[in-house]
Protein backbone atom coordinates (compact mmCIF):
# COMPACT_ATOMS: atom_id res chain seq x y z
CA UNK A 1 65.46 -71.15 84.36
CA UNK A 2 66.36 -71.05 80.67
CA UNK A 3 68.41 -67.85 80.84
CA UNK A 4 69.33 -68.04 77.15
CA UNK A 5 65.70 -68.37 76.12
CA UNK A 6 64.67 -65.49 78.40
CA UNK A 7 67.21 -63.19 76.78
CA UNK A 8 65.66 -63.88 73.39
CA UNK A 9 62.15 -62.93 74.59
CA UNK A 10 62.56 -59.19 74.29
CA UNK A 11 59.78 -56.79 73.37
CA UNK A 12 59.69 -55.85 69.73
CA UNK A 13 58.84 -52.20 70.51
CA UNK A 14 60.89 -49.84 72.69
CA UNK A 15 59.69 -48.97 76.15
CA UNK A 16 57.39 -45.96 76.53
CA UNK A 17 59.80 -44.26 78.91
CA UNK A 18 62.53 -44.26 76.27
CA UNK A 19 60.15 -42.83 73.67
CA UNK A 20 59.09 -39.96 75.95
CA UNK A 21 62.67 -39.19 76.95
CA UNK A 22 63.72 -38.88 73.31
CA UNK A 23 61.04 -36.28 72.53
CA UNK A 24 62.15 -32.67 72.52
CA UNK A 25 60.23 -30.19 74.69
CA UNK A 26 59.04 -28.33 71.58
CA UNK A 27 57.38 -31.44 70.17
CA UNK A 28 55.04 -31.57 73.17
CA UNK A 29 53.42 -28.29 72.06
CA UNK A 30 52.43 -29.33 68.54
CA UNK A 31 49.11 -27.88 67.48
CA UNK A 32 46.11 -29.68 66.04
CA UNK A 33 44.92 -29.37 62.50
CA UNK A 34 42.34 -26.69 63.29
CA UNK A 35 43.92 -25.24 66.43
CA UNK A 36 44.74 -21.54 66.56
CA UNK A 37 48.37 -21.72 67.66
CA UNK A 38 51.84 -21.02 66.23
CA UNK A 39 53.61 -23.78 64.35
CA UNK A 40 56.93 -23.47 66.15
CA UNK A 41 58.10 -21.83 69.36
CA UNK A 42 61.72 -21.27 70.36
CA UNK A 43 60.98 -20.53 74.04
CA UNK A 44 58.39 -22.67 75.77
CA UNK A 45 57.79 -20.31 78.70
CA UNK A 46 57.45 -16.57 78.62
CA UNK A 47 57.01 -13.86 81.20
CA UNK A 48 53.49 -12.72 81.98
CA UNK A 49 54.15 -9.27 80.54
CA UNK A 50 51.75 -6.36 80.28
CA UNK A 51 49.42 -5.03 77.62
CA UNK A 52 51.27 -2.37 75.60
CA UNK A 53 50.07 1.21 75.80
CA UNK A 54 50.20 3.13 72.48
CA UNK A 55 51.96 6.37 73.47
CA UNK A 56 54.25 6.82 70.47
CA UNK A 57 51.62 8.27 68.12
CA UNK A 58 51.55 5.35 65.66
CA UNK A 59 48.23 4.56 63.95
CA UNK A 60 49.29 1.17 62.61
CA UNK A 61 46.59 -1.47 62.92
CA UNK A 62 43.79 0.97 63.77
CA UNK A 63 42.10 1.08 60.35
CA UNK A 64 40.72 -1.50 57.93
CA UNK A 65 43.20 -3.15 55.57
CA UNK A 66 41.40 -6.13 53.95
CA UNK A 67 37.65 -5.89 54.44
CA UNK A 68 34.84 -3.33 54.29
CA UNK A 69 33.53 -3.66 57.86
CA UNK A 70 35.26 -4.38 61.15
CA UNK A 71 35.40 -3.96 64.91
CA UNK A 72 38.01 -2.03 66.87
CA UNK A 73 38.78 -2.01 70.59
CA UNK A 74 37.25 1.04 72.22
CA UNK A 75 37.87 0.23 75.88
CA UNK A 76 41.04 -0.79 77.66
CA UNK A 77 43.52 -3.21 76.16
CA UNK A 78 42.96 -6.86 76.91
CA UNK A 79 44.57 -10.28 76.62
CA UNK A 80 42.69 -12.62 74.28
CA UNK A 81 42.94 -16.39 74.46
CA UNK A 82 42.91 -18.62 71.40
CA UNK A 83 39.61 -20.12 72.54
CA UNK A 84 37.91 -16.70 72.64
CA UNK A 85 39.15 -15.71 69.19
CA UNK A 86 38.10 -19.04 67.70
CA UNK A 87 34.60 -18.76 69.16
CA UNK A 88 34.18 -15.21 67.80
CA UNK A 89 35.44 -16.22 64.35
CA UNK A 90 33.04 -19.16 64.15
CA UNK A 91 30.09 -16.92 65.05
CA UNK A 92 30.95 -14.48 62.25
CA UNK A 93 31.41 -17.25 59.68
CA UNK A 94 28.11 -18.83 60.64
CA UNK A 95 26.30 -15.53 60.24
CA UNK A 96 27.71 -14.51 56.84
CA UNK A 97 28.00 -17.94 55.22
CA UNK A 98 24.89 -17.18 53.12
CA UNK A 99 26.86 -14.52 51.22
CA UNK A 100 28.93 -16.22 48.55
CA UNK A 101 32.59 -15.24 48.60
CA UNK A 102 32.49 -13.57 52.01
CA UNK A 103 35.61 -13.81 54.16
CA UNK A 104 36.62 -13.12 57.74
CA UNK A 105 40.02 -11.55 58.43
CA UNK A 106 41.55 -11.88 61.90
CA UNK A 107 44.06 -9.09 62.54
CA UNK A 108 45.52 -10.59 65.75
CA UNK A 109 47.08 -13.98 66.45
CA UNK A 110 47.68 -15.80 69.77
CA UNK A 111 51.43 -16.43 69.96
CA UNK A 112 52.09 -15.98 73.70
CA UNK A 113 52.19 -19.22 75.74
CA UNK A 114 50.46 -18.88 79.11
CA UNK A 115 51.63 -21.23 81.86
CA UNK A 116 50.10 -21.89 85.27
CA UNK A 117 51.40 -23.41 88.48
CA UNK A 118 49.53 -26.08 90.38
CA UNK A 119 48.69 -26.16 94.06
CA UNK A 120 51.31 -26.82 96.71
CA UNK A 121 54.16 -25.67 94.48
CA UNK A 122 57.28 -24.04 95.89
CA UNK A 123 57.97 -20.39 95.30
CA UNK A 124 59.82 -19.19 92.23
CA UNK A 125 59.33 -18.83 88.51
CA UNK A 126 59.81 -21.11 85.53
CA UNK A 127 57.94 -24.16 86.86
CA UNK A 128 54.48 -23.65 85.39
CA UNK A 129 53.02 -26.01 82.82
CA UNK A 130 51.55 -24.87 79.51
CA UNK A 131 47.85 -23.95 79.67
CA UNK A 132 46.74 -21.99 76.56
CA UNK A 133 47.83 -19.54 73.85
CA UNK A 134 47.05 -15.85 74.15
CA UNK A 135 47.82 -12.44 72.64
CA UNK A 136 48.05 -8.95 74.13
CA UNK A 137 46.12 -6.30 72.20
CA UNK A 138 46.17 -2.58 73.12
CA UNK A 139 43.26 -0.22 72.76
CA UNK A 140 42.41 1.05 69.28
CA UNK A 141 43.45 -2.10 67.39
CA UNK A 142 41.24 -3.79 64.79
CA UNK A 143 40.32 -7.37 65.74
CA UNK A 144 38.10 -8.70 62.92
CA UNK A 145 37.26 -7.56 59.40
CA UNK A 146 34.59 -8.74 56.98
CA UNK A 147 34.97 -8.49 53.21
CA UNK A 148 35.59 -10.44 50.05
CA UNK A 149 32.03 -9.87 48.78
CA UNK A 150 29.41 -7.11 48.91
CA UNK A 151 27.79 -7.47 52.33
CA UNK A 152 24.94 -5.33 53.61
CA UNK A 153 25.77 -3.10 56.54
CA UNK A 154 22.90 -4.53 58.63
CA UNK A 155 24.24 -8.07 58.22
CA UNK A 156 27.81 -6.99 58.99
CA UNK A 157 26.73 -5.15 62.13
CA UNK A 158 24.73 -8.14 63.34
CA UNK A 159 27.59 -10.58 62.74
CA UNK A 160 30.19 -8.41 64.45
CA UNK A 161 27.84 -7.71 67.34
CA UNK A 162 27.54 -11.44 68.01
CA UNK A 163 31.34 -11.69 67.92
CA UNK A 164 31.65 -8.90 70.48
CA UNK A 165 29.48 -10.92 72.86
CA UNK A 166 32.15 -13.64 72.83
CA UNK A 167 35.01 -11.26 73.64
CA UNK A 168 35.85 -9.08 76.67
CA UNK A 169 36.03 -5.24 76.79
CA UNK A 170 34.07 -2.86 74.52
CA UNK A 171 34.29 -2.34 70.74
CA UNK A 172 33.20 0.02 68.00
CA UNK A 173 31.96 -0.70 64.48
CA UNK A 174 34.18 0.85 61.79
CA UNK A 175 34.13 1.20 58.01
CA UNK A 176 36.60 2.19 55.32
CA UNK A 177 35.98 5.86 56.04
CA UNK A 178 36.58 5.59 59.80
CA UNK A 179 39.52 7.71 60.99
CA UNK A 180 42.53 6.12 62.73
CA UNK A 181 43.07 6.19 66.47
CA UNK A 182 45.99 6.75 68.82
CA UNK A 183 45.07 5.17 72.12
CA UNK A 184 41.73 6.58 73.25
CA UNK A 185 41.92 9.57 70.89
CA UNK A 186 40.41 9.54 67.39
CA UNK A 187 42.33 11.46 64.75
CA UNK A 188 39.86 13.42 62.65
CA UNK A 189 40.86 14.18 59.04
CA UNK A 190 42.38 17.65 58.53
CA UNK A 191 40.11 20.37 57.24
CA UNK A 192 40.78 21.65 53.71
CA UNK A 193 42.75 24.87 53.61
CA UNK A 194 40.91 28.00 52.44
CA UNK A 195 41.76 29.31 48.97
CA UNK A 196 41.71 32.99 49.92
CA UNK A 197 45.10 34.63 49.43
CA UNK A 198 46.60 36.89 52.01
CA UNK A 199 48.22 40.23 51.24
CA UNK A 200 51.72 38.75 51.26
CA UNK A 201 50.77 36.12 48.62
CA UNK A 202 49.64 38.67 46.02
CA UNK A 203 51.97 39.58 43.17
CA UNK A 204 53.81 42.87 43.57
CA UNK A 205 55.30 44.72 40.59
CA UNK A 206 59.02 45.32 40.65
CA UNK A 207 60.69 48.72 40.20
CA UNK A 208 61.75 47.94 36.60
CA UNK A 209 58.18 47.14 35.63
CA UNK A 210 57.00 50.35 37.25
CA UNK A 211 59.52 52.46 35.23
CA UNK A 212 58.56 50.80 31.95
């Protein structure tokens, strides 16, 4: 009945199925305003991977770079989630907010997407759905630093201790004078060389000087 009139009664907005089909897979992983996540990802899924083991002798990332106090991983390497890092950062900010100009520096960032598979799923890889963001951190790396203003050591220790309670594995409190680390080994600063001269270093007169 009234086929011409029925053809004119079309919805003014497109169907939801067409809107979802036009979205790219990357747009489904947009982060919130305050979420700790990367802005753009080329690959949605990534292999599980393993925590790197520092065996090359590099000390990069094992000392303070921005603040005066910090915490460094002392135990085994671990995978942090964005939720754990956010909770630890909020605890530190809440503790040192009374100090004007104080800042918290996070030396790691969750950029690894972790996917999980639901129950009753067939075997194989590449079918998991996105769950959370994470990062793999080896032993000896600095996680948080505090600086930007003169902060008492007691307050810094208390704030970083509360942050350690929110994170797995064990940590150590470090300062600007703390030596770097390579894995589980701490590199002590070299001892100053003695100023005593050996017999070979002493000046010896030549034959011409002896004749004169």
